[in-house]
Amino acid sequence: MIVTRTIPKLRYLHTALRRNYGASAVLMKKAADPIQQLFVDKIHEYSKKSKAAGGKLVDATPEVERELEQELSKVARQYGGGPGVDMTKFPTFKFEDPVIDPVA
C-alpha cells in the first residue's frame, strides 16, 4: 500500500527534477564546456562595455555613428519630425465640430 502511494510521487519528483535541471543549469557559475564559458565571458565583457558607453553603440566607429544619425534623421523626417520637434511626445489631436446649417 505504501509503495503504490509512493511511486506516483517519485515519478512526479523525477519529472520535476528533470525539468528544473534545465533551468538551473543556466544559473551555474562555471560552464562545463569551454565554448559555453567563452560565450558567458563575452556576454560579461559586452555588459561592461555597454555600461561604459552610456547608452550609445558599443565599439562604434565614427562612420557607424554618422550612419546611425543619418538613418534616425531620415526616419524622423518621414514621420513628421525635424529640428525642435520632440518625437517622444504623444501627438495632440484637435477635433472640431462641423458647422451645420439650421433646419427651418
PDB file of N, CA and C in Angstrom:
ATOM      1  N   MET A   1       0.821  -1.182   0.000  1.00  0.00           N
ATOM      2  CA  MET A   1       0.000   0.000   0.000  1.00  0.00           C
ATOM      3  C   MET A   1       0.878   1.263   0.000  1.00  0.00           C
ATOM      4  N   ILE A   2       1.901   1.256   0.812  1.00  0.00           N
ATOM      5  CA  ILE A   2       2.793   2.406   0.879  1.00  0.00           C
ATOM      6  C   ILE A   2       3.532   2.561  -0.448  1.00  0.00           C
ATOM      7  N   VAL A   3       3.916   1.450  -1.056  1.00  0.00           N
ATOM      8  CA  VAL A   3       4.653   1.501  -2.314  1.00  0.00           C
ATOM      9  C   VAL A   3       3.774   2.095  -3.418  1.00  0.00           C
ATOM     10  N   THR A   4       2.507   1.724  -3.479  1.00  0.00           N
ATOM     11  CA  THR A   4       1.625   2.235  -4.535  1.00  0.00           C
ATOM     12  C   THR A   4       1.369   3.733  -4.378  1.00  0.00           C
ATOM     13  N   ARG A   5       1.432   4.232  -3.163  1.00  0.00           N
ATOM     14  CA  ARG A   5       1.263   5.667  -2.948  1.00  0.00           C
ATOM     15  C   ARG A   5       2.566   6.429  -3.214  1.00  0.00           C
ATOM     16  N   THR A   6       3.677   5.798  -3.005  1.00  0.00           N
ATOM     17  CA  THR A   6       4.970   6.458  -3.126  1.00  0.00           C
ATOM     18  C   THR A   6       5.430   6.559  -4.574  1.00  0.00           C
ATOM     19  N   ILE A   7       5.133   5.556  -5.394  1.00  0.00           N
ATOM     20  CA  ILE A   7       5.624   5.522  -6.772  1.00  0.00           C
ATOM     21  C   ILE A   7       5.142   6.736  -7.584  1.00  0.00           C
ATOM     22  N   PRO A   8       3.850   7.108  -7.548  1.00  0.00           N
ATOM     23  CA  PRO A   8       3.463   8.310  -8.315  1.00  0.00           C
ATOM     24  C   PRO A   8       4.169   9.579  -7.827  1.00  0.00           C
ATOM     25  N   LYS A   9       4.398   9.680  -6.540  1.00  0.00           N
ATOM     26  CA  LYS A   9       5.092  10.850  -6.010  1.00  0.00           C
ATOM     27  C   LYS A   9       6.542  10.874  -6.473  1.00  0.00           C
ATOM     28  N   LEU A  10       7.165   9.716  -6.540  1.00  0.00           N
ATOM     29  CA  LEU A  10       8.537   9.651  -7.020  1.00  0.00           C
ATOM     30  C   LEU A  10       8.617   9.992  -8.508  1.00  0.00           C
ATOM     31  N   ARG A  11       7.627   9.557  -9.271  1.00  0.00           N
ATOM     32  CA  ARG A  11       7.608   9.895 -10.693  1.00  0.00           C
ATOM     33  C   ARG A  11       7.469  11.401 -10.878  1.00  0.00           C
ATOM     34  N   TYR A  12       6.578  12.012 -10.081  1.00  0.00           N
ATOM     35  CA  TYR A  12       6.411  13.466 -10.153  1.00  0.00           C
ATOM     36  C   TYR A  12       7.705  14.165  -9.755  1.00  0.00           C
ATOM     37  N   LEU A  13       8.356  13.684  -8.717  1.00  0.00           N
ATOM     38  CA  LEU A  13       9.609  14.277  -8.262  1.00  0.00           C
ATOM     39  C   LEU A  13      10.675  14.139  -9.331  1.00  0.00           C
ATOM     40  N   HIS A  14      10.741  12.980  -9.957  1.00  0.00           N
ATOM     41  CA  HIS A  14      11.722  12.754 -11.026  1.00  0.00           C
ATOM     42  C   HIS A  14      11.483  13.718 -12.181  1.00  0.00           C
ATOM     43  N   THR A  15      10.205  13.890 -12.578  1.00  0.00           N
ATOM     44  CA  THR A  15       9.879  14.803 -13.669  1.00  0.00           C
ATOM     45  C   THR A  15      10.218  16.237 -13.293  1.00  0.00           C
ATOM     46  N   ALA A  16       9.895  16.627 -12.079  1.00  0.00           N
ATOM     47  CA  ALA A  16      10.182  17.993 -11.632  1.00  0.00           C
ATOM     48  C   ALA A  16      11.685  18.246 -11.579  1.00  0.00           C
ATOM     49  N   LEU A  17      12.442  17.282 -11.096  1.00  0.00           N
ATOM     50  CA  LEU A  17      13.889  17.457 -11.037  1.00  0.00           C
ATOM     51  C   LEU A  17      14.489  17.554 -12.439  1.00  0.00           C
ATOM     52  N   ARG A  18      13.973  16.753 -13.349  1.00  0.00           N
ATOM     53  CA  ARG A  18      14.487  16.779 -14.709  1.00  0.00           C
ATOM     54  C   ARG A  18      14.186  18.121 -15.370  1.00  0.00           C
ATOM     55  N   ARG A  19      13.002  18.673 -15.140  1.00  0.00           N
ATOM     56  CA  ARG A  19      12.654  19.974 -15.713  1.00  0.00           C
ATOM     57  C   ARG A  19      13.470  21.087 -15.076  1.00  0.00           C
ATOM     58  N   ASN A  20      13.624  21.047 -13.778  1.00  0.00           N
ATOM     59  CA  ASN A  20      14.338  22.112 -13.085  1.00  0.00           C
ATOM     60  C   ASN A  20      15.840  22.066 -13.340  1.00  0.00           C
ATOM     61  N   TYR A  21      16.349  20.921 -13.721  1.00  0.00           N
ATOM     62  CA  TYR A  21      17.780  20.829 -14.021  1.00  0.00           C
ATOM     63  C   TYR A  21      18.123  21.707 -15.213  1.00  0.00           C
ATOM     64  N   GLY A  22      17.253  21.710 -16.214  1.00  0.00           N
ATOM     65  CA  GLY A  22      17.494  22.539 -17.394  1.00  0.00           C
ATOM     66  C   GLY A  22      17.514  24.017 -17.055  1.00  0.00           C
ATOM     67  N   ALA A  23      16.654  24.440 -16.154  1.00  0.00           N
ATOM     68  CA  ALA A  23      16.613  25.852 -15.772  1.00  0.00           C
ATOM     69  C   ALA A  23      17.762  26.212 -14.854  1.00  0.00           C
ATOM     70  N   SER A  24      18.138  25.306 -13.978  1.00  0.00           N
ATOM     71  CA  SER A  24      19.193  25.632 -13.020  1.00  0.00           C
ATOM     72  C   SER A  24      20.585  25.522 -13.646  1.00  0.00           C
ATOM     73  N   ALA A  25      20.691  24.829 -14.757  1.00  0.00           N
ATOM     74  CA  ALA A  25      21.995  24.716 -15.406  1.00  0.00           C
ATOM     75  C   ALA A  25      22.474  26.076 -15.892  1.00  0.00           C
ATOM     76  N   VAL A  26      21.531  26.931 -16.252  1.00  0.00           N
ATOM     77  CA  VAL A  26      21.893  28.268 -16.711  1.00  0.00           C
ATOM     78  C   VAL A  26      22.464  29.083 -15.562  1.00  0.00           C
ATOM     79  N   LEU A  27      21.984  28.807 -14.375  1.00  0.00           N
ATOM     80  CA  LEU A  27      22.399  29.585 -13.219  1.00  0.00           C
ATOM     81  C   LEU A  27      23.758  29.175 -12.665  1.00  0.00           C
ATOM     82  N   MET A  28      24.319  28.102 -13.177  1.00  0.00           N
ATOM     83  CA  MET A  28      25.628  27.675 -12.681  1.00  0.00           C
ATOM     84  C   MET A  28      26.672  28.708 -13.059  1.00  0.00           C
ATOM     85  N   LYS A  29      27.603  28.975 -12.142  1.00  0.00           N
ATOM     86  CA  LYS A  29      28.619  29.997 -12.409  1.00  0.00           C
ATOM     87  C   LYS A  29      29.664  29.508 -13.408  1.00  0.00           C
ATOM     88  N   LYS A  30      30.068  28.302 -13.315  1.00  0.00           N
ATOM     89  CA  LYS A  30      31.079  27.756 -14.213  1.00  0.00           C
ATOM     90  C   LYS A  30      30.410  26.880 -15.261  1.00  0.00           C
ATOM     91  N   ALA A  31      30.731  27.118 -16.489  1.00  0.00           N
ATOM     92  CA  ALA A  31      30.221  26.281 -17.569  1.00  0.00           C
ATOM     93  C   ALA A  31      31.141  25.077 -17.729  1.00  0.00           C
ATOM     94  N   ALA A  32      30.535  23.956 -18.045  1.00  0.00           N
ATOM     95  CA  ALA A  32      31.316  22.729 -18.195  1.00  0.00           C
ATOM     96  C   ALA A  32      32.070  22.711 -19.521  1.00  0.00           C
ATOM     97  N   ASP A  33      31.502  23.329 -20.512  1.00  0.00           N
ATOM     98  CA  ASP A  33      32.078  23.329 -21.845  1.00  0.00           C
ATOM     99  C   ASP A  33      32.891  24.611 -22.047  1.00  0.00           C
ATOM    100  N   PRO A  34      34.094  24.538 -22.598  1.00  0.00           N
ATOM    101  CA  PRO A  34      34.887  25.760 -22.802  1.00  0.00           C
ATOM    102  C   PRO A  34      34.227  26.747 -23.765  1.00  0.00           C
ATOM    103  N   ILE A  35      33.456  26.252 -24.723  1.00  0.00           N
ATOM    104  CA  ILE A  35      32.743  27.133 -25.644  1.00  0.00           C
ATOM    105  C   ILE A  35      31.668  27.914 -24.885  1.00  0.00           C
ATOM    106  N   GLN A  36      30.965  27.219 -23.996  1.00  0.00           N
ATOM    107  CA  GLN A  36      29.956  27.901 -23.181  1.00  0.00           C
ATOM    108  C   GLN A  36      30.615  28.962 -22.296  1.00  0.00           C
ATOM    109  N   GLN A  37      31.741  28.632 -21.718  1.00  0.00           N
ATOM    110  CA  GLN A  37      32.433  29.579 -20.853  1.00  0.00           C
ATOM    111  C   GLN A  37      32.889  30.803 -21.642  1.00  0.00           C
ATOM    112  N   LEU A  38      33.364  30.585 -22.858  1.00  0.00           N
ATOM    113  CA  LEU A  38      33.763  31.698 -23.716  1.00  0.00           C
ATOM    114  C   LEU A  38      32.564  32.593 -24.028  1.00  0.00           C
ATOM    115  N   PHE A  39      31.419  31.980 -24.301  1.00  0.00           N
ATOM    116  CA  PHE A  39      30.193  32.725 -24.576  1.00  0.00           C
ATOM    117  C   PHE A  39      29.786  33.566 -23.366  1.00  0.00           C
ATOM    118  N   VAL A  40      29.826  32.985 -22.177  1.00  0.00           N
ATOM    119  CA  VAL A  40      29.475  33.711 -20.954  1.00  0.00           C
ATOM    120  C   VAL A  40      30.455  34.848 -20.710  1.00  0.00           C
ATOM    121  N   ASP A  41      31.735  34.599 -20.947  1.00  0.00           N
ATOM    122  CA  ASP A  41      32.737  35.658 -20.783  1.00  0.00           C
ATOM    123  C   ASP A  41      32.477  36.823 -21.735  1.00  0.00           C
ATOM    124  N   LYS A  42      32.117  36.516 -22.967  1.00  0.00           N
ATOM    125  CA  LYS A  42      31.835  37.565 -23.944  1.00  0.00           C
ATOM    126  C   LYS A  42      30.597  38.377 -23.542  1.00  0.00           C
ATOM    127  N   ILE A  43      29.603  37.706 -22.977  1.00  0.00           N
ATOM    128  CA  ILE A  43      28.406  38.415 -22.516  1.00  0.00           C
ATOM    129  C   ILE A  43      28.766  39.376 -21.391  1.00  0.00           C
ATOM    130  N   HIS A  44      29.590  38.923 -20.455  1.00  0.00           N
ATOM    131  CA  HIS A  44      30.016  39.789 -19.356  1.00  0.00           C
ATOM    132  C   HIS A  44      30.855  40.962 -19.881  1.00  0.00           C
ATOM    133  N   GLU A  45      31.722  40.699 -20.829  1.00  0.00           N
ATOM    134  CA  GLU A  45      32.549  41.751 -21.420  1.00  0.00           C
ATOM    135  C   GLU A  45      31.681  42.790 -22.131  1.00  0.00           C
ATOM    136  N   TYR A  46      30.691  42.328 -22.886  1.00  0.00           N
ATOM    137  CA  TYR A  46      29.791  43.240 -23.585  1.00  0.00           C
ATOM    138  C   TYR A  46      28.981  44.068 -22.588  1.00  0.00           C
ATOM    139  N   SER A  47      28.569  43.442 -21.495  1.00  0.00           N
ATOM    140  CA  SER A  47      27.816  44.169 -20.466  1.00  0.00           C
ATOM    141  C   SER A  47      28.641  45.312 -19.885  1.00  0.00           C
ATOM    142  N   LYS A  48      29.910  45.050 -19.606  1.00  0.00           N
ATOM    143  CA  LYS A  48      30.786  46.098 -19.072  1.00  0.00           C
ATOM    144  C   LYS A  48      30.984  47.216 -20.094  1.00  0.00           C
ATOM    145  N   LYS A  49      31.205  46.860 -21.356  1.00  0.00           N
ATOM    146  CA  LYS A  49      31.397  47.859 -22.403  1.00  0.00           C
ATOM    147  C   LYS A  49      30.124  48.677 -22.617  1.00  0.00           C
ATOM    148  N   SER A  50      28.976  48.025 -22.526  1.00  0.00           N
ATOM    149  CA  SER A  50      27.714  48.705 -22.711  1.00  0.00           C
ATOM    150  C   SER A  50      27.474  49.741 -21.617  1.00  0.00           C
ATOM    151  N   LYS A  51      27.808  49.389 -20.383  1.00  0.00           N
ATOM    152  CA  LYS A  51      27.662  50.341 -19.281  1.00  0.00           C
ATOM    153  C   LYS A  51      28.639  51.502 -19.437  1.00  0.00           C
ATOM    154  N   ALA A  52      29.831  51.230 -19.917  1.00  0.00           N
ATOM    155  CA  ALA A  52      30.835  52.274 -20.102  1.00  0.00           C
ATOM    156  C   ALA A  52      30.449  53.210 -21.251  1.00  0.00           C
ATOM    157  N   ALA A  53      29.750  52.692 -22.265  1.00  0.00           N
ATOM    158  CA  ALA A  53      29.355  53.508 -23.412  1.00  0.00           C
ATOM    159  C   ALA A  53      28.224  54.464 -23.055  1.00  0.00           C
ATOM    160  N   GLY A  54      27.506  54.175 -21.992  1.00  0.00           N
ATOM    161  CA  GLY A  54      26.448  55.082 -21.557  1.00  0.00           C
ATOM    162  C   GLY A  54      25.248  55.151 -22.485  1.00  0.00           C
ATOM    163  N   GLY A  55      24.800  54.044 -23.018  1.00  0.00           N
ATOM    164  CA  GLY A  55      23.623  54.034 -23.865  1.00  0.00           C
ATOM    165  C   GLY A  55      23.905  54.179 -25.348  1.00  0.00           C
ATOM    166  N   LYS A  56      25.133  54.419 -25.722  1.00  0.00           N
ATOM    167  CA  LYS A  56      25.487  54.521 -27.138  1.00  0.00           C
ATOM    168  C   LYS A  56      25.890  53.146 -27.652  1.00  0.00           C
ATOM    169  N   LEU A  57      26.211  53.078 -28.928  1.00  0.00           N
ATOM    170  CA  LEU A  57      26.649  51.816 -29.510  1.00  0.00           C
ATOM    171  C   LEU A  57      28.006  51.406 -28.937  1.00  0.00           C
ATOM    172  N   VAL A  58      28.176  50.117 -28.735  1.00  0.00           N
ATOM    173  CA  VAL A  58      29.423  49.585 -28.191  1.00  0.00           C
ATOM    174  C   VAL A  58      30.430  49.425 -29.326  1.00  0.00           C
ATOM    175  N   ASP A  59      31.643  49.897 -29.110  1.00  0.00           N
ATOM    176  CA  ASP A  59      32.735  49.784 -30.087  1.00  0.00           C
ATOM    177  C   ASP A  59      32.360  50.330 -31.463  1.00  0.00           C
ATOM    178  N   ALA A  60      31.630  51.453 -31.478  1.00  0.00           N
ATOM    179  CA  ALA A  60      31.203  52.031 -32.748  1.00  0.00           C
ATOM    180  C   ALA A  60      32.262  53.003 -33.270  1.00  0.00           C
ATOM    181  N   THR A  61      32.505  52.931 -34.548  1.00  0.00           N
ATOM    182  CA  THR A  61      33.426  53.867 -35.196  1.00  0.00           C
ATOM    183  C   THR A  61      32.661  55.150 -35.505  1.00  0.00           C
ATOM    184  N   PRO A  62      33.363  56.251 -35.747  1.00  0.00           N
ATOM    185  CA  PRO A  62      32.667  57.494 -36.111  1.00  0.00           C
ATOM    186  C   PRO A  62      31.817  57.348 -37.378  1.00  0.00           C
ATOM    187  N   GLU A  63      32.258  56.505 -38.289  1.00  0.00           N
ATOM    188  CA  GLU A  63      31.482  56.269 -39.505  1.00  0.00           C
ATOM    189  C   GLU A  63      30.138  55.608 -39.193  1.00  0.00           C
ATOM    190  N   VAL A  64      30.159  54.617 -38.303  1.00  0.00           N
ATOM    191  CA  VAL A  64      28.930  53.924 -37.918  1.00  0.00           C
ATOM    192  C   VAL A  64      27.987  54.884 -37.191  1.00  0.00           C
ATOM    193  N   GLU A  65      28.525  55.719 -36.304  1.00  0.00           N
ATOM    194  CA  GLU A  65      27.688  56.681 -35.588  1.00  0.00           C
ATOM    195  C   GLU A  65      27.082  57.695 -36.554  1.00  0.00           C
ATOM    196  N   ARG A  66      27.833  58.115 -37.564  1.00  0.00           N
ATOM    197  CA  ARG A  66      27.328  59.047 -38.560  1.00  0.00           C
ATOM    198  C   ARG A  66      26.192  58.403 -39.364  1.00  0.00           C
ATOM    199  N   GLU A  67      26.358  57.142 -39.754  1.00  0.00           N
ATOM    200  CA  GLU A  67      25.305  56.431 -40.488  1.00  0.00           C
ATOM    201  C   GLU A  67      24.053  56.284 -39.639  1.00  0.00           C
ATOM    202  N   LEU A  68      24.227  56.013 -38.353  1.00  0.00           N
ATOM    203  CA  LEU A  68      23.083  55.888 -37.454  1.00  0.00           C
ATOM    204  C   LEU A  68      22.331  57.215 -37.363  1.00  0.00           C
ATOM    205  N   GLU A  69      23.048  58.312 -37.224  1.00  0.00           N
ATOM    206  CA  GLU A  69      22.411  59.624 -37.163  1.00  0.00           C
ATOM    207  C   GLU A  69      21.663  59.942 -38.465  1.00  0.00           C
ATOM    208  N   GLN A  70      22.237  59.567 -39.602  1.00  0.00           N
ATOM    209  CA  GLN A  70      21.571  59.787 -40.880  1.00  0.00           C
ATOM    210  C   GLN A  70      20.266  59.010 -40.964  1.00  0.00           C
ATOM    211  N   GLU A  71      20.306  57.758 -40.529  1.00  0.00           N
ATOM    212  CA  GLU A  71      19.101  56.928 -40.576  1.00  0.00           C
ATOM    213  C   GLU A  71      18.040  57.449 -39.613  1.00  0.00           C
ATOM    214  N   LEU A  72      18.450  57.881 -38.412  1.00  0.00           N
ATOM    215  CA  LEU A  72      17.486  58.411 -37.454  1.00  0.00           C
ATOM    216  C   LEU A  72      16.858  59.708 -37.954  1.00  0.00           C
ATOM    217  N   SER A  73      17.640  60.570 -38.583  1.00  0.00           N
ATOM    218  CA  SER A  73      17.079  61.810 -39.123  1.00  0.00           C
ATOM    219  C   SER A  73      16.158  61.516 -40.307  1.00  0.00           C
ATOM    220  N   LYS A  74      16.496  60.512 -41.107  1.00  0.00           N
ATOM    221  CA  LYS A  74      15.654  60.113 -42.235  1.00  0.00           C
ATOM    222  C   LYS A  74      14.295  59.625 -41.728  1.00  0.00           C
ATOM    223  N   VAL A  75      14.295  58.799 -40.700  1.00  0.00           N
ATOM    224  CA  VAL A  75      13.051  58.288 -40.125  1.00  0.00           C
ATOM    225  C   VAL A  75      12.259  59.434 -39.490  1.00  0.00           C
ATOM    226  N   ALA A  76      12.938  60.344 -38.814  1.00  0.00           N
ATOM    227  CA  ALA A  76      12.256  61.483 -38.194  1.00  0.00           C
ATOM    228  C   ALA A  76      11.568  62.346 -39.253  1.00  0.00           C
ATOM    229  N   ARG A  77      12.227  62.582 -40.385  1.00  0.00           N
ATOM    230  CA  ARG A  77      11.608  63.368 -41.460  1.00  0.00           C
ATOM    231  C   ARG A  77      10.386  62.659 -42.035  1.00  0.00           C
ATOM    232  N   GLN A  78      10.463  61.335 -42.168  1.00  0.00           N
ATOM    233  CA  GLN A  78       9.351  60.587 -42.745  1.00  0.00           C
ATOM    234  C   GLN A  78       8.119  60.631 -41.851  1.00  0.00           C
ATOM    235  N   TYR A  79       8.315  60.698 -40.541  1.00  0.00           N
ATOM    236  CA  TYR A  79       7.197  60.647 -39.608  1.00  0.00           C
ATOM    237  C   TYR A  79       6.916  61.990 -38.948  1.00  0.00           C
ATOM    238  N   GLY A  80       7.289  63.099 -39.567  1.00  0.00           N
ATOM    239  CA  GLY A  80       6.904  64.403 -39.090  1.00  0.00           C
ATOM    240  C   GLY A  80       7.847  65.036 -38.090  1.00  0.00           C
ATOM    241  N   GLY A  81       9.007  64.508 -37.928  1.00  0.00           N
ATOM    242  CA  GLY A  81       9.975  65.094 -37.012  1.00  0.00           C
ATOM    243  C   GLY A  81      10.844  66.099 -37.723  1.00  0.00           C
ATOM    244  N   GLY A  82      11.740  66.660 -36.995  1.00  0.00           N
ATOM    245  CA  GLY A  82      12.660  67.622 -37.567  1.00  0.00           C
ATOM    246  C   GLY A  82      13.331  68.383 -36.444  1.00  0.00           C
ATOM    247  N   PRO A  83      14.040  69.441 -36.768  1.00  0.00           N
ATOM    248  CA  PRO A  83      14.703  70.208 -35.720  1.00  0.00           C
ATOM    249  C   PRO A  83      13.675  70.840 -34.780  1.00  0.00           C
ATOM    250  N   GLY A  84      13.865  70.646 -33.505  1.00  0.00           N
ATOM    251  CA  GLY A  84      12.988  71.233 -32.496  1.00  0.00           C
ATOM    252  C   GLY A  84      11.710  70.468 -32.231  1.00  0.00           C
ATOM    253  N   VAL A  85      11.480  69.353 -32.886  1.00  0.00           N
ATOM    254  CA  VAL A  85      10.267  68.565 -32.672  1.00  0.00           C
ATOM    255  C   VAL A  85      10.598  67.402 -31.758  1.00  0.00           C
ATOM    256  N   ASP A  86       9.820  67.265 -30.678  1.00  0.00           N
ATOM    257  CA  ASP A  86      10.039  66.179 -29.722  1.00  0.00           C
ATOM    258  C   ASP A  86       9.270  64.949 -30.193  1.00  0.00           C
ATOM    259  N   MET A  87       9.984  63.966 -30.720  1.00  0.00           N
ATOM    260  CA  MET A  87       9.344  62.764 -31.253  1.00  0.00           C
ATOM    261  C   MET A  87       8.879  61.805 -30.152  1.00  0.00           C
ATOM    262  N   THR A  88       9.293  62.021 -28.916  1.00  0.00           N
ATOM    263  CA  THR A  88       8.869  61.145 -27.824  1.00  0.00           C
ATOM    264  C   THR A  88       7.565  61.608 -27.208  1.00  0.00           C
ATOM    265  N   LYS A  89       7.104  62.810 -27.561  1.00  0.00           N
ATOM    266  CA  LYS A  89       5.864  63.361 -27.019  1.00  0.00           C
ATOM    267  C   LYS A  89       4.684  62.800 -27.805  1.00  0.00           C
ATOM    268  N   PHE A  90       3.616  62.463 -27.070  1.00  0.00           N
ATOM    269  CA  PHE A  90       2.422  61.932 -27.716  1.00  0.00           C
ATOM    270  C   PHE A  90       1.758  63.052 -28.505  1.00  0.00           C
ATOM    271  N   PRO A  91       1.312  62.792 -29.720  1.00  0.00           N
ATOM    272  CA  PRO A  91       0.723  63.862 -30.527  1.00  0.00           C
ATOM    273  C   PRO A  91      -0.605  64.344 -29.941  1.00  0.00           C
ATOM    274  N   THR A  92      -0.891  65.607 -30.165  1.00  0.00           N
ATOM    275  CA  THR A  92      -2.169  66.164 -29.713  1.00  0.00           C
ATOM    276  C   THR A  92      -3.102  66.244 -30.915  1.00  0.00           C
ATOM    277  N   PHE A  93      -4.339  65.905 -30.669  1.00  0.00           N
ATOM    278  CA  PHE A  93      -5.350  65.919 -31.722  1.00  0.00           C
ATOM    279  C   PHE A  93      -6.356  67.009 -31.426  1.00  0.00           C
ATOM    280  N   LYS A  94      -6.817  67.667 -32.474  1.00  0.00           N
ATOM    281  CA  LYS A  94      -7.788  68.738 -32.314  1.00  0.00           C
ATOM    282  C   LYS A  94      -8.990  68.395 -33.198  1.00  0.00           C
ATOM    283  N   PHE A  95     -10.113  68.092 -32.543  1.00  0.00           N
ATOM    284  CA  PHE A  95     -11.333  67.754 -33.265  1.00  0.00           C
ATOM    285  C   PHE A  95     -12.304  68.917 -33.134  1.00  0.00           C
ATOM    286  N   GLU A  96     -12.802  69.384 -34.234  1.00  0.00           N
ATOM    287  CA  GLU A  96     -13.774  70.470 -34.235  1.00  0.00           C
ATOM    288  C   GLU A  96     -15.074  69.960 -34.826  1.00  0.00           C
ATOM    289  N   ASP A  97     -16.167  70.427 -34.243  1.00  0.00           N
ATOM    290  CA  ASP A  97     -17.477  70.060 -34.773  1.00  0.00           C
ATOM    291  C   ASP A  97     -17.717  70.809 -36.075  1.00  0.00           C
ATOM    292  N   PRO A  98     -18.251  70.143 -37.073  1.00  0.00           N
ATOM    293  CA  PRO A  98     -18.525  70.831 -38.331  1.00  0.00           C
ATOM    294  C   PRO A  98     -19.719  71.795 -38.171  1.00  0.00           C
ATOM    295  N   VAL A  99     -19.701  72.850 -38.930  1.00  0.00           N
ATOM    296  CA  VAL A  99     -20.799  73.814 -38.917  1.00  0.00           C
ATOM    297  C   VAL A  99     -21.953  73.234 -39.732  1.00  0.00           C
ATOM    298  N   ILE A 100     -23.110  73.164 -39.099  1.00  0.00           N
ATOM    299  CA  ILE A 100     -24.280  72.592 -39.753  1.00  0.00           C
ATOM    300  C   ILE A 100     -25.333  73.690 -39.931  1.00  0.00           C
ATOM    301  N   ASP A 101     -25.894  73.776 -41.090  1.00  0.00           N
ATOM    302  CA  ASP A 101     -26.953  74.762 -41.335  1.00  0.00           C
ATOM    303  C   ASP A 101     -28.195  74.377 -40.554  1.00  0.00           C
ATOM    304  N   PRO A 102     -28.824  75.342 -39.914  1.00  0.00           N
ATOM    305  CA  PRO A 102     -30.045  75.025 -39.163  1.00  0.00           C
ATOM    306  C   PRO A 102     -31.163  74.629 -40.090  1.00  0.00           C
ATOM    307  N   VAL A 103     -31.968  73.731 -39.660  1.00  0.00           N
ATOM    308  CA  VAL A 103     -33.111  73.276 -40.432  1.00  0.00           C
ATOM    309  C   VAL A 103     -34.325  74.101 -39.985  1.00  0.00           C
ATOM    310  N   ALA A 104     -35.006  74.708 -40.911  1.00  0.00           N
ATOM    311  CA  ALA A 104     -36.120  75.594 -40.556  1.00  0.00           C
ATOM    312  C   ALA A 104     -37.413  74.854 -40.406  1.00  0.00           C
TER     313      ALA A 104
END
